[in-house]
């Protein structure tokens, strides 16, 4: 299984699409910036239970559904999550990519 944060982010993104909620509307309703929303979707931040509850209410679902949902059809840009036989390798690669991007942005 992929990193829990990434899985949660993918589930939130899927629910946003199903509920037809744009990134801007999602961010505005929760008091986030669009960058904050992307950090949530990409699994880069830890979401508190209270924030997860707010997200679940906005998306008209439950916290349990957001955390445990097993989507049979991942979004096209998240299809890579299925391609690794060892999910630890996927997490390592994604962590390295995240670090690289953060370093590039800092420079």
PDB file of N, CA and C in Angstrom:
ATOM      1  N   UNK A   1       0.846  -1.172   0.000  1.00  0.00           N
ATOM      2  CA  UNK A   1       0.000   0.000   0.000  1.00  0.00           C
ATOM      3  C   UNK A   1       0.892   1.237   0.000  1.00  0.00           C
ATOM      4  N   UNK A   2       0.473   2.217  -0.755  1.00  0.00           N
ATOM      5  CA  UNK A   2       1.225   3.459  -0.837  1.00  0.00           C
ATOM      6  C   UNK A   2       1.169   4.190   0.492  1.00  0.00           C
ATOM      7  N   UNK A   3       2.024   5.150   0.635  1.00  0.00           N
ATOM      8  CA  UNK A   3       2.062   5.987   1.823  1.00  0.00           C
ATOM      9  C   UNK A   3       0.652   6.425   2.191  1.00  0.00           C
ATOM     10  N   UNK A   4       0.318   6.390   3.470  1.00  0.00           N
ATOM     11  CA  UNK A   4      -1.030   6.706   3.949  1.00  0.00           C
ATOM     12  C   UNK A   4      -1.433   8.124   3.553  1.00  0.00           C
ATOM     13  N   UNK A   5      -0.513   9.067   3.683  1.00  0.00           N
ATOM     14  CA  UNK A   5      -0.811  10.447   3.309  1.00  0.00           C
ATOM     15  C   UNK A   5      -1.135  10.595   1.834  1.00  0.00           C
ATOM     16  N   UNK A   6      -0.381   9.891   1.008  1.00  0.00           N
ATOM     17  CA  UNK A   6      -0.639   9.943  -0.439  1.00  0.00           C
ATOM     18  C   UNK A   6      -1.972   9.285  -0.780  1.00  0.00           C
ATOM     19  N   UNK A   7      -2.271   8.190  -0.103  1.00  0.00           N
ATOM     20  CA  UNK A   7      -3.537   7.506  -0.338  1.00  0.00           C
ATOM     21  C   UNK A   7      -4.697   8.416   0.085  1.00  0.00           C
ATOM     22  N   UNK A   8      -4.561   9.046   1.244  1.00  0.00           N
ATOM     23  CA  UNK A   8      -5.588   9.965   1.717  1.00  0.00           C
ATOM     24  C   UNK A   8      -5.765  11.114   0.730  1.00  0.00           C
ATOM     25  N   UNK A   9      -4.657  11.665   0.260  1.00  0.00           N
ATOM     26  CA  UNK A   9      -4.722  12.748  -0.721  1.00  0.00           C
ATOM     27  C   UNK A   9      -5.405  12.328  -1.999  1.00  0.00           C
ATOM     28  N   UNK A  10      -5.093  11.127  -2.479  1.00  0.00           N
ATOM     29  CA  UNK A  10      -5.741  10.619  -3.699  1.00  0.00           C
ATOM     30  C   UNK A  10      -7.237  10.441  -3.463  1.00  0.00           C
ATOM     31  N   UNK A  11      -7.610   9.973  -2.282  1.00  0.00           N
ATOM     32  CA  UNK A  11      -9.035   9.800  -1.969  1.00  0.00           C
ATOM     33  C   UNK A  11      -9.754  11.146  -1.867  1.00  0.00           C
ATOM     34  N   UNK A  12      -9.096  12.126  -1.286  1.00  0.00           N
ATOM     35  CA  UNK A  12      -9.695  13.461  -1.208  1.00  0.00           C
ATOM     36  C   UNK A  12      -9.888  14.026  -2.604  1.00  0.00           C
ATOM     37  N   UNK A  13      -8.870  13.885  -3.451  1.00  0.00           N
ATOM     38  CA  UNK A  13      -8.960  14.383  -4.827  1.00  0.00           C
ATOM     39  C   UNK A  13     -10.100  13.691  -5.578  1.00  0.00           C
ATOM     40  N   UNK A  14     -10.205  12.394  -5.430  1.00  0.00           N
ATOM     41  CA  UNK A  14     -11.273  11.650  -6.095  1.00  0.00           C
ATOM     42  C   UNK A  14     -12.641  12.137  -5.622  1.00  0.00           C
ATOM     43  N   UNK A  15     -12.786  12.325  -4.317  1.00  0.00           N
ATOM     44  CA  UNK A  15     -14.064  12.814  -3.778  1.00  0.00           C
ATOM     45  C   UNK A  15     -14.356  14.236  -4.243  1.00  0.00           C
ATOM     46  N   UNK A  16     -13.327  15.053  -4.381  1.00  0.00           N
ATOM     47  CA  UNK A  16     -13.523  16.407  -4.900  1.00  0.00           C
ATOM     48  C   UNK A  16     -14.065  16.354  -6.319  1.00  0.00           C
ATOM     49  N   UNK A  17     -13.499  15.481  -7.125  1.00  0.00           N
ATOM     50  CA  UNK A  17     -13.969  15.350  -8.506  1.00  0.00           C
ATOM     51  C   UNK A  17     -15.403  14.837  -8.552  1.00  0.00           C
ATOM     52  N   UNK A  18     -15.692  13.825  -7.722  1.00  0.00           N
ATOM     53  CA  UNK A  18     -17.045  13.258  -7.691  1.00  0.00           C
ATOM     54  C   UNK A  18     -18.073  14.278  -7.215  1.00  0.00           C
ATOM     55  N   UNK A  19     -17.670  15.148  -6.278  1.00  0.00           N
ATOM     56  CA  UNK A  19     -18.581  16.159  -5.744  1.00  0.00           C
ATOM     57  C   UNK A  19     -18.570  17.432  -6.588  1.00  0.00           C
ATOM     58  N   UNK A  20     -17.743  17.460  -7.635  1.00  0.00           N
ATOM     59  CA  UNK A  20     -17.620  18.606  -8.530  1.00  0.00           C
ATOM     60  C   UNK A  20     -17.239  19.872  -7.756  1.00  0.00           C
ATOM     61  N   UNK A  21     -16.242  19.726  -6.879  1.00  0.00           N
ATOM     62  CA  UNK A  21     -15.733  20.849  -6.097  1.00  0.00           C
ATOM     63  C   UNK A  21     -14.353  21.210  -6.643  1.00  0.00           C
ATOM     64  N   UNK A  22     -14.212  22.465  -7.038  1.00  0.00           N
ATOM     65  CA  UNK A  22     -12.934  22.915  -7.595  1.00  0.00           C
ATOM     66  C   UNK A  22     -11.912  23.116  -6.486  1.00  0.00           C
ATOM     67  N   UNK A  23     -10.647  23.182  -6.881  1.00  0.00           N
ATOM     68  CA  UNK A  23      -9.573  23.452  -5.920  1.00  0.00           C
ATOM     69  C   UNK A  23      -9.811  24.772  -5.208  1.00  0.00           C
ATOM     70  N   UNK A  24     -10.202  25.784  -5.967  1.00  0.00           N
ATOM     71  CA  UNK A  24     -10.429  27.104  -5.370  1.00  0.00           C
ATOM     72  C   UNK A  24     -11.550  27.074  -4.347  1.00  0.00           C
ATOM     73  N   UNK A  25     -12.659  26.427  -4.678  1.00  0.00           N
ATOM     74  CA  UNK A  25     -13.784  26.341  -3.741  1.00  0.00           C
ATOM     75  C   UNK A  25     -13.412  25.527  -2.505  1.00  0.00           C
ATOM     76  N   UNK A  26     -12.715  24.432  -2.727  1.00  0.00           N
ATOM     77  CA  UNK A  26     -12.266  23.594  -1.615  1.00  0.00           C
ATOM     78  C   UNK A  26     -11.395  24.410  -0.671  1.00  0.00           C
ATOM     79  N   UNK A  27     -10.426  25.128  -1.248  1.00  0.00           N
ATOM     80  CA  UNK A  27      -9.519  25.939  -0.441  1.00  0.00           C
ATOM     81  C   UNK A  27     -10.277  27.031   0.309  1.00  0.00           C
ATOM     82  N   UNK A  28     -11.181  27.707  -0.367  1.00  0.00           N
ATOM     83  CA  UNK A  28     -11.920  28.806   0.256  1.00  0.00           C
ATOM     84  C   UNK A  28     -12.774  28.306   1.414  1.00  0.00           C
ATOM     85  N   UNK A  29     -13.485  27.180   1.223  1.00  0.00           N
ATOM     86  CA  UNK A  29     -14.356  26.664   2.282  1.00  0.00           C
ATOM     87  C   UNK A  29     -13.579  26.230   3.526  1.00  0.00           C
ATOM     88  N   UNK A  30     -12.363  25.783   3.330  1.00  0.00           N
ATOM     89  CA  UNK A  30     -11.577  25.288   4.467  1.00  0.00           C
ATOM     90  C   UNK A  30     -10.574  26.310   4.990  1.00  0.00           C
ATOM     91  N   UNK A  31     -10.483  27.455   4.329  1.00  0.00           N
ATOM     92  CA  UNK A  31      -9.530  28.475   4.761  1.00  0.00           C
ATOM     93  C   UNK A  31      -8.094  28.139   4.415  1.00  0.00           C
ATOM     94  N   UNK A  32      -7.899  27.368   3.335  1.00  0.00           N
ATOM     95  CA  UNK A  32      -6.562  26.983   2.881  1.00  0.00           C
ATOM     96  C   UNK A  32      -6.188  27.813   1.657  1.00  0.00           C
ATOM     97  N   UNK A  33      -4.912  27.836   1.347  1.00  0.00           N
ATOM     98  CA  UNK A  33      -4.471  28.353   0.059  1.00  0.00           C
ATOM     99  C   UNK A  33      -4.527  27.184  -0.932  1.00  0.00           C
ATOM    100  N   UNK A  34      -4.457  27.500  -2.214  1.00  0.00           N
ATOM    101  CA  UNK A  34      -4.450  26.436  -3.223  1.00  0.00           C
ATOM    102  C   UNK A  34      -3.200  25.573  -3.052  1.00  0.00           C
ATOM    103  N   UNK A  35      -2.083  26.204  -2.703  1.00  0.00           N
ATOM    104  CA  UNK A  35      -0.850  25.432  -2.460  1.00  0.00           C
ATOM    105  C   UNK A  35      -1.041  24.471  -1.290  1.00  0.00           C
ATOM    106  N   UNK A  36      -1.731  24.935  -0.229  1.00  0.00           N
ATOM    107  CA  UNK A  36      -2.019  24.048   0.904  1.00  0.00           C
ATOM    108  C   UNK A  36      -2.839  22.844   0.460  1.00  0.00           C
ATOM    109  N   UNK A  37      -3.825  23.093  -0.404  1.00  0.00           N
ATOM    110  CA  UNK A  37      -4.670  21.998  -0.896  1.00  0.00           C
ATOM    111  C   UNK A  37      -3.818  21.004  -1.667  1.00  0.00           C
ATOM    112  N   UNK A  38      -2.924  21.493  -2.516  1.00  0.00           N
ATOM    113  CA  UNK A  38      -2.056  20.579  -3.264  1.00  0.00           C
ATOM    114  C   UNK A  38      -1.160  19.784  -2.322  1.00  0.00           C
ATOM    115  N   UNK A  39      -0.691  20.412  -1.252  1.00  0.00           N
ATOM    116  CA  UNK A  39       0.119  19.680  -0.271  1.00  0.00           C
ATOM    117  C   UNK A  39      -0.682  18.560   0.385  1.00  0.00           C
ATOM    118  N   UNK A  40      -1.965  18.812   0.645  1.00  0.00           N
ATOM    119  CA  UNK A  40      -2.840  17.768   1.200  1.00  0.00           C
ATOM    120  C   UNK A  40      -3.017  16.649   0.179  1.00  0.00           C
ATOM    121  N   UNK A  41      -3.331  17.003  -1.055  1.00  0.00           N
ATOM    122  CA  UNK A  41      -3.580  16.007  -2.103  1.00  0.00           C
ATOM    123  C   UNK A  41      -2.330  15.167  -2.371  1.00  0.00           C
ATOM    124  N   UNK A  42      -1.175  15.792  -2.304  1.00  0.00           N
ATOM    125  CA  UNK A  42       0.069  15.074  -2.563  1.00  0.00           C
ATOM    126  C   UNK A  42       0.581  14.324  -1.336  1.00  0.00           C
ATOM    127  N   UNK A  43      -0.127  14.432  -0.222  1.00  0.00           N
ATOM    128  CA  UNK A  43       0.260  13.703   0.981  1.00  0.00           C
ATOM    129  C   UNK A  43       1.470  14.277   1.679  1.00  0.00           C
ATOM    130  N   UNK A  44       1.731  15.570   1.500  1.00  0.00           N
ATOM    131  CA  UNK A  44       2.915  16.195   2.078  1.00  0.00           C
ATOM    132  C   UNK A  44       2.694  16.734   3.489  1.00  0.00           C
ATOM    133  N   UNK A  45       1.451  16.773   3.941  1.00  0.00           N
ATOM    134  CA  UNK A  45       1.158  17.300   5.274  1.00  0.00           C
ATOM    135  C   UNK A  45       0.336  16.285   6.060  1.00  0.00           C
ATOM    136  N   UNK A  46       0.440  16.376   7.358  1.00  0.00           N
ATOM    137  CA  UNK A  46      -0.373  15.533   8.229  1.00  0.00           C
ATOM    138  C   UNK A  46      -1.642  16.312   8.561  1.00  0.00           C
ATOM    139  N   UNK A  47      -2.763  15.673   8.366  1.00  0.00           N
ATOM    140  CA  UNK A  47      -4.054  16.313   8.605  1.00  0.00           C
ATOM    141  C   UNK A  47      -4.564  15.882   9.973  1.00  0.00           C
ATOM    142  N   UNK A  48      -4.920  16.858  10.782  1.00  0.00           N
ATOM    143  CA  UNK A  48      -5.444  16.543  12.115  1.00  0.00           C
ATOM    144  C   UNK A  48      -6.838  15.919  11.975  1.00  0.00           C
ATOM    145  N   UNK A  49      -7.272  15.168  12.981  1.00  0.00           N
ATOM    146  CA  UNK A  49      -8.626  14.591  12.927  1.00  0.00           C
ATOM    147  C   UNK A  49      -9.709  15.654  12.753  1.00  0.00           C
ATOM    148  N   UNK A  50      -9.535  16.818  13.367  1.00  0.00           N
ATOM    149  CA  UNK A  50     -10.533  17.886  13.230  1.00  0.00           C
ATOM    150  C   UNK A  50     -10.588  18.399  11.791  1.00  0.00           C
ATOM    151  N   UNK A  51      -9.416  18.580  11.173  1.00  0.00           N
ATOM    152  CA  UNK A  51      -9.380  19.044   9.781  1.00  0.00           C
ATOM    153  C   UNK A  51      -9.933  17.975   8.851  1.00  0.00           C
ATOM    154  N   UNK A  52      -9.608  16.721   9.122  1.00  0.00           N
ATOM    155  CA  UNK A  52     -10.130  15.635   8.306  1.00  0.00           C
ATOM    156  C   UNK A  52     -11.649  15.588   8.391  1.00  0.00           C
ATOM    157  N   UNK A  53     -12.177  15.869   9.564  1.00  0.00           N
ATOM    158  CA  UNK A  53     -13.623  15.907   9.730  1.00  0.00           C
ATOM    159  C   UNK A  53     -14.236  17.034   8.900  1.00  0.00           C
ATOM    160  N   UNK A  54     -13.603  18.218   8.897  1.00  0.00           N
ATOM    161  CA  UNK A  54     -14.086  19.338   8.077  1.00  0.00           C
ATOM    162  C   UNK A  54     -14.090  18.969   6.595  1.00  0.00           C
ATOM    163  N   UNK A  55     -13.033  18.302   6.166  1.00  0.00           N
ATOM    164  CA  UNK A  55     -12.923  17.890   4.768  1.00  0.00           C
ATOM    165  C   UNK A  55     -14.019  16.892   4.436  1.00  0.00           C
ATOM    166  N   UNK A  56     -14.235  15.925   5.324  1.00  0.00           N
ATOM    167  CA  UNK A  56     -15.273  14.910   5.098  1.00  0.00           C
ATOM    168  C   UNK A  56     -16.653  15.560   4.996  1.00  0.00           C
ATOM    169  N   UNK A  57     -16.941  16.519   5.867  1.00  0.00           N
ATOM    170  CA  UNK A  57     -18.233  17.201   5.834  1.00  0.00           C
ATOM    171  C   UNK A  57     -18.396  17.949   4.513  1.00  0.00           C
ATOM    172  N   UNK A  58     -17.359  18.671   4.095  1.00  0.00           N
ATOM    173  CA  UNK A  58     -17.412  19.410   2.839  1.00  0.00           C
ATOM    174  C   UNK A  58     -17.652  18.478   1.653  1.00  0.00           C
ATOM    175  N   UNK A  59     -17.014  17.310   1.679  1.00  0.00           N
ATOM    176  CA  UNK A  59     -17.127  16.360   0.570  1.00  0.00           C
ATOM    177  C   UNK A  59     -18.317  15.412   0.724  1.00  0.00           C
ATOM    178  N   UNK A  60     -19.092  15.615   1.789  1.00  0.00           N
ATOM    179  CA  UNK A  60     -20.282  14.796   2.063  1.00  0.00           C
ATOM    180  C   UNK A  60     -19.939  13.307   2.121  1.00  0.00           C
ATOM    181  N   UNK A  61     -18.917  13.016   2.916  1.00  0.00           N
ATOM    182  CA  UNK A  61     -18.503  11.633   3.128  1.00  0.00           C
ATOM    183  C   UNK A  61     -18.064  11.513   4.589  1.00  0.00           C
ATOM    184  N   UNK A  62     -17.423  10.409   4.925  1.00  0.00           N
ATOM    185  CA  UNK A  62     -16.962  10.202   6.296  1.00  0.00           C
ATOM    186  C   UNK A  62     -15.437  10.183   6.341  1.00  0.00           C
ATOM    187  N   UNK A  63     -14.901  10.407   7.540  1.00  0.00           N
ATOM    188  CA  UNK A  63     -13.448  10.312   7.706  1.00  0.00           C
ATOM    189  C   UNK A  63     -12.971   8.905   7.347  1.00  0.00           C
ATOM    190  N   UNK A  64     -13.726   7.920   7.787  1.00  0.00           N
ATOM    191  CA  UNK A  64     -13.367   6.533   7.511  1.00  0.00           C
ATOM    192  C   UNK A  64     -13.295   6.269   6.001  1.00  0.00           C
ATOM    193  N   UNK A  65     -14.253   6.798   5.268  1.00  0.00           N
ATOM    194  CA  UNK A  65     -14.264   6.618   3.813  1.00  0.00           C
ATOM    195  C   UNK A  65     -13.039   7.274   3.182  1.00  0.00           C
ATOM    196  N   UNK A  66     -12.686   8.451   3.652  1.00  0.00           N
ATOM    197  CA  UNK A  66     -11.519   9.140   3.088  1.00  0.00           C
ATOM    198  C   UNK A  66     -10.222   8.384   3.366  1.00  0.00           C
ATOM    199  N   UNK A  67     -10.117   7.807   4.541  1.00  0.00           N
ATOM    200  CA  UNK A  67      -8.888   7.113   4.920  1.00  0.00           C
ATOM    201  C   UNK A  67      -8.797   5.723   4.300  1.00  0.00           C
ATOM    202  N   UNK A  68      -9.916   5.013   4.248  1.00  0.00           N
ATOM    203  CA  UNK A  68      -9.874   3.594   3.868  1.00  0.00           C
ATOM    204  C   UNK A  68     -10.358   3.267   2.465  1.00  0.00           C
ATOM    205  N   UNK A  69     -10.816   4.241   1.738  1.00  0.00           N
ATOM    206  CA  UNK A  69     -11.354   3.985   0.399  1.00  0.00           C
ATOM    207  C   UNK A  69     -10.299   3.345  -0.486  1.00  0.00           C
ATOM    208  N   UNK A  70     -10.698   2.326  -1.173  1.00  0.00           N
ATOM    209  CA  UNK A  70      -9.836   1.648  -2.139  1.00  0.00           C
ATOM    210  C   UNK A  70     -10.411   1.894  -3.517  1.00  0.00           C
ATOM    211  N   UNK A  71      -9.844   2.827  -4.193  1.00  0.00           N
ATOM    212  CA  UNK A  71     -10.352   3.182  -5.522  1.00  0.00           C
ATOM    213  C   UNK A  71      -9.814   2.202  -6.545  1.00  0.00           C
ATOM    214  N   UNK A  72     -10.710   1.630  -7.313  1.00  0.00           N
ATOM    215  CA  UNK A  72     -10.309   0.713  -8.378  1.00  0.00           C
ATOM    216  C   UNK A  72      -9.745   1.442  -9.570  1.00  0.00           C
ATOM    217  N   UNK A  73     -10.129   2.687  -9.717  1.00  0.00           N
ATOM    218  CA  UNK A  73      -9.640   3.466 -10.853  1.00  0.00           C
ATOM    219  C   UNK A  73      -8.963   4.732 -10.332  1.00  0.00           C
ATOM    220  N   UNK A  74      -7.658   4.651 -10.192  1.00  0.00           N
ATOM    221  CA  UNK A  74      -6.911   5.824  -9.758  1.00  0.00           C
ATOM    222  C   UNK A  74      -6.941   6.863 -10.871  1.00  0.00           C
ATOM    223  N   UNK A  75      -6.797   8.091 -10.495  1.00  0.00           N
ATOM    224  CA  UNK A  75      -6.747   9.156 -11.479  1.00  0.00           C
ATOM    225  C   UNK A  75      -5.572   8.919 -12.414  1.00  0.00           C
ATOM    226  N   UNK A  76      -5.673   9.356 -13.662  1.00  0.00           N
ATOM    227  CA  UNK A  76      -4.577   9.090 -14.603  1.00  0.00           C
ATOM    228  C   UNK A  76      -3.216   9.541 -14.095  1.00  0.00           C
ATOM    229  N   UNK A  77      -3.144  10.717 -13.443  1.00  0.00           N
ATOM    230  CA  UNK A  77      -1.847  11.186 -12.976  1.00  0.00           C
ATOM    231  C   UNK A  77      -1.366  10.447 -11.731  1.00  0.00           C
ATOM    232  N   UNK A  78      -2.205   9.604 -11.139  1.00  0.00           N
ATOM    233  CA  UNK A  78      -1.796   8.804  -9.990  1.00  0.00           C
ATOM    234  C   UNK A  78      -1.693   7.320 -10.352  1.00  0.00           C
ATOM    235  N   UNK A  79      -1.781   7.022 -11.625  1.00  0.00           N
ATOM    236  CA  UNK A  79      -1.721   5.646 -12.103  1.00  0.00           C
ATOM    237  C   UNK A  79      -0.413   4.968 -11.692  1.00  0.00           C
ATOM    238  N   UNK A  80       0.664   5.765 -11.563  1.00  0.00           N
ATOM    239  CA  UNK A  80       1.956   5.213 -11.191  1.00  0.00           C
ATOM    240  C   UNK A  80       1.896   4.443  -9.881  1.00  0.00           C
ATOM    241  N   UNK A  81       0.907   4.738  -9.029  1.00  0.00           N
ATOM    242  CA  UNK A  81       0.827   4.076  -7.728  1.00  0.00           C
ATOM    243  C   UNK A  81       0.582   2.577  -7.875  1.00  0.00           C
ATOM    244  N   UNK A  82       0.060   2.143  -9.009  1.00  0.00           N
ATOM    245  CA  UNK A  82      -0.225   0.729  -9.229  1.00  0.00           C
ATOM    246  C   UNK A  82       0.970  -0.023  -9.800  1.00  0.00           C
ATOM    247  N   UNK A  83       1.959   0.681 -10.303  1.00  0.00           N
ATOM    248  CA  UNK A  83       3.014   0.061 -11.093  1.00  0.00           C
ATOM    249  C   UNK A  83       4.154  -0.539 -10.281  1.00  0.00           C
ATOM    250  N   UNK A  84       4.189  -0.343  -8.992  1.00  0.00           N
ATOM    251  CA  UNK A  84       5.288  -0.828  -8.168  1.00  0.00           C
ATOM    252  C   UNK A  84       4.886  -2.098  -7.441  1.00  0.00           C
ATOM    253  N   UNK A  85       5.708  -3.130  -7.573  1.00  0.00           N
ATOM    254  CA  UNK A  85       5.421  -4.363  -6.857  1.00  0.00           C
ATOM    255  C   UNK A  85       5.756  -4.216  -5.373  1.00  0.00           C
ATOM    256  N   UNK A  86       6.710  -3.349  -5.055  1.00  0.00           N
ATOM    257  CA  UNK A  86       7.071  -3.077  -3.671  1.00  0.00           C
ATOM    258  C   UNK A  86       6.700  -1.622  -3.363  1.00  0.00           C
ATOM    259  N   UNK A  87       5.635  -1.383  -2.607  1.00  0.00           N
ATOM    260  CA  UNK A  87       5.195  -0.013  -2.337  1.00  0.00           C
ATOM    261  C   UNK A  87       6.216   0.828  -1.576  1.00  0.00           C
ATOM    262  N   UNK A  88       7.138   0.190  -0.864  1.00  0.00           N
ATOM    263  CA  UNK A  88       8.181   0.950  -0.182  1.00  0.00           C
ATOM    264  C   UNK A  88       9.068   1.674  -1.191  1.00  0.00           C
ATOM    265  N   UNK A  89       9.307   1.036  -2.348  1.00  0.00           N
ATOM    266  CA  UNK A  89      10.101   1.676  -3.393  1.00  0.00           C
ATOM    267  C   UNK A  89       9.380   2.899  -3.941  1.00  0.00           C
ATOM    268  N   UNK A  90       8.083   2.802  -4.116  1.00  0.00           N
ATOM    269  CA  UNK A  90       7.293   3.943  -4.572  1.00  0.00           C
ATOM    270  C   UNK A  90       7.429   5.094  -3.586  1.00  0.00           C
ATOM    271  N   UNK A  91       7.293   4.816  -2.303  1.00  0.00           N
ATOM    272  CA  UNK A  91       7.403   5.858  -1.287  1.00  0.00           C
ATOM    273  C   UNK A  91       8.785   6.503  -1.312  1.00  0.00           C
ATOM    274  N   UNK A  92       9.828   5.690  -1.462  1.00  0.00           N
ATOM    275  CA  UNK A  92      11.189   6.240  -1.498  1.00  0.00           C
ATOM    276  C   UNK A  92      11.376   7.173  -2.682  1.00  0.00           C
ATOM    277  N   UNK A  93      10.922   6.747  -3.848  1.00  0.00           N
ATOM    278  CA  UNK A  93      11.069   7.565  -5.051  1.00  0.00           C
ATOM    279  C   UNK A  93      10.285   8.862  -4.920  1.00  0.00           C
ATOM    280  N   UNK A  94       9.049   8.776  -4.459  1.00  0.00           N
ATOM    281  CA  UNK A  94       8.236   9.984  -4.310  1.00  0.00           C
ATOM    282  C   UNK A  94       8.814  10.924  -3.255  1.00  0.00           C
ATOM    283  N   UNK A  95       9.356  10.363  -2.184  1.00  0.00           N
ATOM    284  CA  UNK A  95       9.991  11.199  -1.163  1.00  0.00           C
ATOM    285  C   UNK A  95      11.207  11.924  -1.735  1.00  0.00           C
ATOM    286  N   UNK A  96      12.007  11.221  -2.523  1.00  0.00           N
ATOM    287  CA  UNK A  96      13.174  11.852  -3.154  1.00  0.00           C
ATOM    288  C   UNK A  96      12.746  12.958  -4.121  1.00  0.00           C
ATOM    289  N   UNK A  97      11.702  12.693  -4.887  1.00  0.00           N
ATOM    290  CA  UNK A  97      11.203  13.709  -5.816  1.00  0.00           C
ATOM    291  C   UNK A  97      10.692  14.928  -5.054  1.00  0.00           C
ATOM    292  N   UNK A  98       9.979  14.709  -3.967  1.00  0.00           N
ATOM    293  CA  UNK A  98       9.487  15.818  -3.144  1.00  0.00           C
ATOM    294  C   UNK A  98      10.648  16.645  -2.601  1.00  0.00           C
ATOM    295  N   UNK A  99      11.683  15.968  -2.113  1.00  0.00           N
ATOM    296  CA  UNK A  99      12.843  16.672  -1.583  1.00  0.00           C
ATOM    297  C   UNK A  99      13.517  17.500  -2.675  1.00  0.00           C
ATOM    298  N   UNK A 100      13.655  16.918  -3.848  1.00  0.00           N
ATOM    299  CA  UNK A 100      14.280  17.627  -4.972  1.00  0.00           C
ATOM    300  C   UNK A 100      13.493  18.887  -5.319  1.00  0.00           C
ATOM    301  N   UNK A 101      12.181  18.772  -5.415  1.00  0.00           N
ATOM    302  CA  UNK A 101      11.343  19.926  -5.746  1.00  0.00           C
ATOM    303  C   UNK A 101      11.458  21.000  -4.672  1.00  0.00           C
ATOM    304  N   UNK A 102      11.435  20.606  -3.417  1.00  0.00           N
ATOM    305  CA  UNK A 102      11.563  21.574  -2.329  1.00  0.00           C
ATOM    306  C   UNK A 102      12.908  22.278  -2.375  1.00  0.00           C
ATOM    307  N   UNK A 103      13.980  21.540  -2.679  1.00  0.00           N
ATOM    308  CA  UNK A 103      15.297  22.157  -2.799  1.00  0.00           C
ATOM    309  C   UNK A 103      15.352  23.131  -3.969  1.00  0.00           C
ATOM    310  N   UNK A 104      14.775  22.752  -5.111  1.00  0.00           N
ATOM    311  CA  UNK A 104      14.736  23.622  -6.282  1.00  0.00           C
ATOM    312  C   UNK A 104      13.964  24.895  -5.981  1.00  0.00           C
ATOM    313  N   UNK A 105      12.834  24.773  -5.273  1.00  0.00           N
ATOM    314  CA  UNK A 105      12.039  25.943  -4.940  1.00  0.00           C
ATOM    315  C   UNK A 105      12.778  26.862  -3.975  1.00  0.00           C
ATOM    316  N   UNK A 106      13.570  26.288  -3.089  1.00  0.00           N
ATOM    317  CA  UNK A 106      14.321  27.090  -2.125  1.00  0.00           C
ATOM    318  C   UNK A 106      15.456  27.855  -2.774  1.00  0.00           C
ATOM    319  N   UNK A 107      15.992  27.301  -3.871  1.00  0.00           N
ATOM    320  CA  UNK A 107      17.123  27.946  -4.552  1.00  0.00           C
ATOM    321  C   UNK A 107      16.571  28.906  -5.536  1.00  0.00           C
TER     322      UNK A 107
END
